[in-house]
Amino acid sequence: MKRFLLVLFATFGLAFAAHAGKDVKDGNAYVKAVQKDQFLFQGNPLGKNMLLGSLQELKDEGELTGVVLRNPDSASAEHKHLLKVIADYLQIKAYAGDGKDLQPLTTE
């Protein structure tokens, strides 16, 4: 029984790590604007404070140099502003795009 539980937890841990790794590529964290002031990151909708904490942790681990807003066309001005403020606070770059053609995030 203990072996079964150990294998089960190990499997979930690997699955979570694989899923979480999809949102961080080449030093950039990819987020998607969803509700009013929330972002989808690593499969979870996060408010601005939770997103800041998650990105801070990745930066502290040396894995983060930028953040990318995946859906800039459907994101509100508030989403863009919040992401730009978070990036400035963390001293990382803020981009918009789908990963192929990244443009600096503007807060028009």
N, C-alpha and C. Protein backbone atom coordinates (compact mmCIF):
# COMPACT_ATOMS: atom_id res chain seq x y z
N MET A 1 0.81 -1.19 0.00
CA MET A 1 0.00 0.00 0.00
C MET A 1 0.86 1.26 0.00
N LYS A 2 1.94 1.24 0.79
CA LYS A 2 2.82 2.40 0.84
C LYS A 2 3.48 2.64 -0.52
N ARG A 3 3.86 1.57 -1.19
CA ARG A 3 4.48 1.73 -2.51
C ARG A 3 3.49 2.32 -3.50
N PHE A 4 2.26 1.85 -3.42
CA PHE A 4 1.22 2.37 -4.32
C PHE A 4 1.05 3.88 -4.12
N LEU A 5 0.96 4.31 -2.88
CA LEU A 5 0.80 5.73 -2.59
C LEU A 5 2.03 6.53 -3.03
N LEU A 6 3.20 5.98 -2.83
CA LEU A 6 4.42 6.65 -3.25
C LEU A 6 4.45 6.83 -4.76
N VAL A 7 4.10 5.79 -5.49
CA VAL A 7 4.06 5.86 -6.96
C VAL A 7 2.99 6.86 -7.40
N LEU A 8 1.85 6.83 -6.73
CA LEU A 8 0.76 7.75 -7.08
C LEU A 8 1.19 9.21 -6.89
N PHE A 9 1.79 9.53 -5.75
CA PHE A 9 2.25 10.90 -5.51
C PHE A 9 3.37 11.30 -6.46
N ALA A 10 4.27 10.38 -6.75
CA ALA A 10 5.35 10.68 -7.69
C ALA A 10 4.80 10.97 -9.08
N THR A 11 3.80 10.20 -9.49
CA THR A 11 3.19 10.42 -10.80
C THR A 11 2.52 11.79 -10.87
N PHE A 12 1.76 12.15 -9.84
CA PHE A 12 1.13 13.47 -9.82
C PHE A 12 2.17 14.57 -9.79
N GLY A 13 3.24 14.37 -9.07
CA GLY A 13 4.31 15.38 -9.01
C GLY A 13 4.95 15.60 -10.36
N LEU A 14 5.23 14.52 -11.08
CA LEU A 14 5.81 14.64 -12.41
C LEU A 14 4.83 15.28 -13.39
N ALA A 15 3.56 14.91 -13.28
CA ALA A 15 2.56 15.50 -14.16
C ALA A 15 2.43 17.00 -13.91
N PHE A 16 2.43 17.40 -12.63
CA PHE A 16 2.35 18.83 -12.31
C PHE A 16 3.57 19.56 -12.82
N ALA A 17 4.74 19.00 -12.64
CA ALA A 17 5.97 19.65 -13.10
C ALA A 17 5.97 19.80 -14.62
N ALA A 18 5.48 18.79 -15.31
CA ALA A 18 5.42 18.87 -16.78
C ALA A 18 4.42 19.93 -17.21
N HIS A 19 3.27 20.00 -16.54
CA HIS A 19 2.26 21.01 -16.89
C HIS A 19 2.77 22.41 -16.55
N ALA A 20 3.37 22.58 -15.41
CA ALA A 20 3.87 23.89 -14.99
C ALA A 20 4.99 24.37 -15.90
N GLY A 21 5.78 23.46 -16.42
CA GLY A 21 6.89 23.82 -17.29
C GLY A 21 6.45 24.37 -18.63
N LYS A 22 5.21 24.08 -19.05
CA LYS A 22 4.73 24.57 -20.33
C LYS A 22 4.57 26.07 -20.36
N ASP A 23 4.35 26.68 -19.21
CA ASP A 23 4.12 28.11 -19.16
C ASP A 23 5.40 28.92 -18.97
N VAL A 24 6.54 28.26 -18.88
CA VAL A 24 7.82 28.96 -18.78
C VAL A 24 8.73 28.40 -19.87
N LYS A 25 9.08 29.26 -20.83
CA LYS A 25 9.95 28.85 -21.93
C LYS A 25 10.99 29.92 -22.18
N ASP A 26 12.20 29.50 -22.34
CA ASP A 26 13.31 30.42 -22.65
C ASP A 26 13.38 31.60 -21.69
N GLY A 27 13.07 31.36 -20.43
CA GLY A 27 13.16 32.42 -19.42
C GLY A 27 11.94 33.31 -19.34
N ASN A 28 10.93 33.05 -20.17
CA ASN A 28 9.72 33.86 -20.15
C ASN A 28 8.54 33.08 -19.59
N ALA A 29 7.78 33.71 -18.72
CA ALA A 29 6.55 33.12 -18.20
C ALA A 29 5.41 33.60 -19.09
N TYR A 30 4.62 32.65 -19.57
CA TYR A 30 3.51 32.96 -20.46
C TYR A 30 2.21 32.97 -19.65
N VAL A 31 1.52 34.11 -19.65
CA VAL A 31 0.27 34.25 -18.91
C VAL A 31 -0.83 34.67 -19.88
N LYS A 32 -2.06 34.39 -19.48
CA LYS A 32 -3.21 34.75 -20.30
C LYS A 32 -4.18 35.52 -19.43
N ALA A 33 -4.63 36.67 -19.91
CA ALA A 33 -5.62 37.47 -19.19
C ALA A 33 -6.95 36.75 -19.25
N VAL A 34 -7.61 36.59 -18.09
CA VAL A 34 -8.90 35.93 -18.06
C VAL A 34 -9.95 36.88 -17.49
N GLN A 35 -10.31 36.77 -16.26
CA GLN A 35 -11.36 37.62 -15.69
C GLN A 35 -10.84 39.01 -15.42
N LYS A 36 -11.64 39.80 -14.72
CA LYS A 36 -11.37 41.22 -14.52
C LYS A 36 -9.92 41.53 -14.20
N ASP A 37 -9.38 40.98 -13.14
CA ASP A 37 -7.98 41.25 -12.80
C ASP A 37 -7.25 39.94 -12.51
N GLN A 38 -7.57 38.90 -13.27
CA GLN A 38 -6.93 37.61 -13.08
C GLN A 38 -6.21 37.17 -14.34
N PHE A 39 -5.21 36.32 -14.11
CA PHE A 39 -4.39 35.78 -15.19
C PHE A 39 -4.32 34.27 -15.04
N LEU A 40 -4.31 33.57 -16.15
CA LEU A 40 -4.15 32.13 -16.15
C LEU A 40 -2.66 31.82 -16.28
N PHE A 41 -2.10 31.14 -15.27
CA PHE A 41 -0.69 30.80 -15.27
C PHE A 41 -0.53 29.43 -14.64
N GLN A 42 0.15 28.55 -15.32
CA GLN A 42 0.38 27.19 -14.86
C GLN A 42 -0.93 26.47 -14.56
N GLY A 43 -1.93 26.74 -15.39
CA GLY A 43 -3.21 26.06 -15.27
C GLY A 43 -4.13 26.60 -14.20
N ASN A 44 -3.75 27.68 -13.53
CA ASN A 44 -4.56 28.23 -12.44
C ASN A 44 -4.87 29.70 -12.69
N PRO A 45 -6.12 30.11 -12.43
CA PRO A 45 -6.40 31.55 -12.48
C PRO A 45 -5.86 32.21 -11.22
N LEU A 46 -5.03 33.20 -11.40
CA LEU A 46 -4.38 33.88 -10.28
C LEU A 46 -4.70 35.36 -10.30
N GLY A 47 -4.94 35.92 -9.13
CA GLY A 47 -5.06 37.37 -9.01
C GLY A 47 -3.68 37.99 -9.09
N LYS A 48 -3.65 39.31 -9.07
CA LYS A 48 -2.38 40.01 -9.26
C LYS A 48 -1.36 39.66 -8.18
N ASN A 49 -1.79 39.51 -6.94
CA ASN A 49 -0.84 39.22 -5.86
C ASN A 49 -0.29 37.80 -5.96
N MET A 50 -1.14 36.85 -6.30
CA MET A 50 -0.69 35.47 -6.45
C MET A 50 0.23 35.33 -7.66
N LEU A 51 -0.09 36.04 -8.73
CA LEU A 51 0.78 36.01 -9.91
C LEU A 51 2.14 36.60 -9.57
N LEU A 52 2.14 37.71 -8.87
CA LEU A 52 3.40 38.33 -8.45
C LEU A 52 4.22 37.35 -7.63
N GLY A 53 3.60 36.67 -6.69
CA GLY A 53 4.31 35.70 -5.86
C GLY A 53 4.88 34.55 -6.67
N SER A 54 4.10 34.03 -7.61
CA SER A 54 4.57 32.93 -8.45
C SER A 54 5.75 33.36 -9.32
N LEU A 55 5.65 34.54 -9.91
CA LEU A 55 6.73 35.03 -10.75
C LEU A 55 7.97 35.36 -9.93
N GLN A 56 7.77 35.91 -8.73
CA GLN A 56 8.90 36.21 -7.84
C GLN A 56 9.66 34.94 -7.50
N GLU A 57 8.93 33.86 -7.23
CA GLU A 57 9.57 32.59 -6.90
C GLU A 57 10.40 32.07 -8.07
N LEU A 58 9.86 32.18 -9.29
CA LEU A 58 10.61 31.74 -10.47
C LEU A 58 11.84 32.61 -10.69
N LYS A 59 11.70 33.90 -10.45
CA LYS A 59 12.84 34.80 -10.61
C LYS A 59 13.93 34.49 -9.59
N ASP A 60 13.52 34.22 -8.35
CA ASP A 60 14.48 33.89 -7.31
C ASP A 60 15.24 32.60 -7.63
N GLU A 61 14.57 31.68 -8.32
CA GLU A 61 15.21 30.43 -8.72
C GLU A 61 16.09 30.61 -9.96
N GLY A 62 16.08 31.81 -10.54
CA GLY A 62 16.91 32.10 -11.70
C GLY A 62 16.33 31.61 -13.01
N GLU A 63 15.04 31.31 -13.04
CA GLU A 63 14.41 30.78 -14.24
C GLU A 63 13.65 31.82 -15.04
N LEU A 64 13.59 33.06 -14.58
CA LEU A 64 12.69 34.04 -15.19
C LEU A 64 13.42 35.32 -15.56
N THR A 65 13.25 35.73 -16.81
CA THR A 65 13.79 37.01 -17.26
C THR A 65 12.72 37.90 -17.89
N GLY A 66 11.52 37.33 -18.13
CA GLY A 66 10.46 38.10 -18.74
C GLY A 66 9.10 37.45 -18.54
N VAL A 67 8.07 38.22 -18.86
CA VAL A 67 6.70 37.73 -18.78
C VAL A 67 6.00 38.11 -20.09
N VAL A 68 5.21 37.17 -20.63
CA VAL A 68 4.56 37.37 -21.92
C VAL A 68 3.05 37.27 -21.75
N LEU A 69 2.33 38.27 -22.22
CA LEU A 69 0.88 38.25 -22.25
C LEU A 69 0.46 37.58 -23.55
N ARG A 70 -0.13 36.39 -23.45
CA ARG A 70 -0.47 35.59 -24.63
C ARG A 70 -1.60 36.18 -25.46
N ASN A 71 -2.56 36.80 -24.84
CA ASN A 71 -3.73 37.29 -25.57
C ASN A 71 -3.87 38.81 -25.46
N PRO A 72 -2.94 39.56 -26.01
CA PRO A 72 -3.01 41.01 -25.82
C PRO A 72 -4.22 41.66 -26.48
N ASP A 73 -4.76 41.04 -27.53
CA ASP A 73 -5.90 41.65 -28.21
C ASP A 73 -7.18 41.58 -27.39
N SER A 74 -7.33 40.51 -26.59
CA SER A 74 -8.54 40.39 -25.78
C SER A 74 -8.32 40.81 -24.33
N ALA A 75 -7.11 41.20 -23.98
CA ALA A 75 -6.82 41.66 -22.62
C ALA A 75 -7.26 43.12 -22.47
N SER A 76 -7.72 43.44 -21.29
CA SER A 76 -8.14 44.82 -21.01
C SER A 76 -6.93 45.70 -20.75
N ALA A 77 -7.17 46.99 -20.75
CA ALA A 77 -6.10 47.94 -20.42
C ALA A 77 -5.61 47.70 -18.99
N GLU A 78 -6.54 47.31 -18.10
CA GLU A 78 -6.16 47.02 -16.72
C GLU A 78 -5.23 45.81 -16.64
N HIS A 79 -5.51 44.77 -17.42
CA HIS A 79 -4.63 43.60 -17.45
C HIS A 79 -3.22 44.00 -17.89
N LYS A 80 -3.15 44.77 -18.95
CA LYS A 80 -1.84 45.19 -19.47
C LYS A 80 -1.10 46.03 -18.44
N HIS A 81 -1.82 46.94 -17.80
CA HIS A 81 -1.20 47.80 -16.80
C HIS A 81 -0.68 46.97 -15.62
N LEU A 82 -1.50 46.05 -15.11
CA LEU A 82 -1.09 45.21 -13.99
C LEU A 82 0.14 44.39 -14.33
N LEU A 83 0.15 43.79 -15.52
CA LEU A 83 1.29 42.97 -15.90
C LEU A 83 2.55 43.81 -16.06
N LYS A 84 2.41 45.01 -16.59
CA LYS A 84 3.56 45.91 -16.74
C LYS A 84 4.09 46.33 -15.38
N VAL A 85 3.20 46.62 -14.43
CA VAL A 85 3.61 47.00 -13.07
C VAL A 85 4.34 45.85 -12.40
N ILE A 86 3.81 44.63 -12.55
CA ILE A 86 4.45 43.45 -11.96
C ILE A 86 5.84 43.25 -12.56
N ALA A 87 5.95 43.37 -13.88
CA ALA A 87 7.25 43.20 -14.53
C ALA A 87 8.24 44.27 -14.08
N ASP A 88 7.79 45.51 -13.98
CA ASP A 88 8.68 46.57 -13.51
C ASP A 88 9.13 46.32 -12.07
N TYR A 89 8.22 45.88 -11.23
CA TYR A 89 8.57 45.59 -9.83
C TYR A 89 9.61 44.47 -9.74
N LEU A 90 9.44 43.44 -10.57
CA LEU A 90 10.38 42.31 -10.56
C LEU A 90 11.64 42.59 -11.36
N GLN A 91 11.66 43.71 -12.05
CA GLN A 91 12.78 44.09 -12.92
C GLN A 91 13.03 43.05 -14.00
N ILE A 92 11.93 42.68 -14.68
CA ILE A 92 12.00 41.77 -15.81
C ILE A 92 11.31 42.44 -16.99
N LYS A 93 11.46 41.88 -18.17
CA LYS A 93 10.84 42.42 -19.37
C LYS A 93 9.38 42.00 -19.45
N ALA A 94 8.56 42.82 -20.09
CA ALA A 94 7.15 42.50 -20.32
C ALA A 94 6.91 42.51 -21.83
N TYR A 95 6.34 41.41 -22.32
CA TYR A 95 6.09 41.26 -23.75
C TYR A 95 4.63 40.92 -23.99
N ALA A 96 4.23 41.05 -25.24
CA ALA A 96 2.91 40.61 -25.70
C ALA A 96 3.13 39.78 -26.95
N GLY A 97 2.38 38.72 -27.10
CA GLY A 97 2.50 37.90 -28.29
C GLY A 97 2.25 36.44 -28.01
N ASP A 98 2.45 35.64 -29.04
CA ASP A 98 2.16 34.21 -28.92
C ASP A 98 3.42 33.36 -28.77
N GLY A 99 4.56 33.96 -28.68
CA GLY A 99 5.79 33.21 -28.51
C GLY A 99 6.69 33.29 -29.72
N LYS A 100 6.11 33.47 -30.89
CA LYS A 100 6.90 33.55 -32.12
C LYS A 100 7.36 34.98 -32.38
N ASP A 101 6.45 35.90 -32.20
CA ASP A 101 6.73 37.31 -32.49
C ASP A 101 6.41 38.13 -31.25
N LEU A 102 7.37 38.26 -30.35
CA LEU A 102 7.15 38.99 -29.11
C LEU A 102 7.41 40.48 -29.31
N GLN A 103 6.47 41.28 -28.83
CA GLN A 103 6.60 42.73 -28.88
C GLN A 103 6.60 43.26 -27.46
N PRO A 104 7.31 44.35 -27.18
CA PRO A 104 7.25 44.93 -25.83
C PRO A 104 5.79 45.28 -25.48
N LEU A 105 5.40 44.98 -24.26
CA LEU A 105 4.04 45.26 -23.81
C LEU A 105 3.86 46.76 -23.62
N THR A 106 2.84 47.27 -24.24
CA THR A 106 2.54 48.70 -24.12
C THR A 106 1.25 48.86 -23.33
N THR A 107 1.18 49.91 -22.56
CA THR A 107 -0.01 50.20 -21.75
C THR A 107 -0.68 51.46 -22.25
N GLU A 108 -1.17 51.42 -23.45
CA GLU A 108 -1.77 52.58 -24.13
C GLU A 108 -2.91 53.17 -23.37
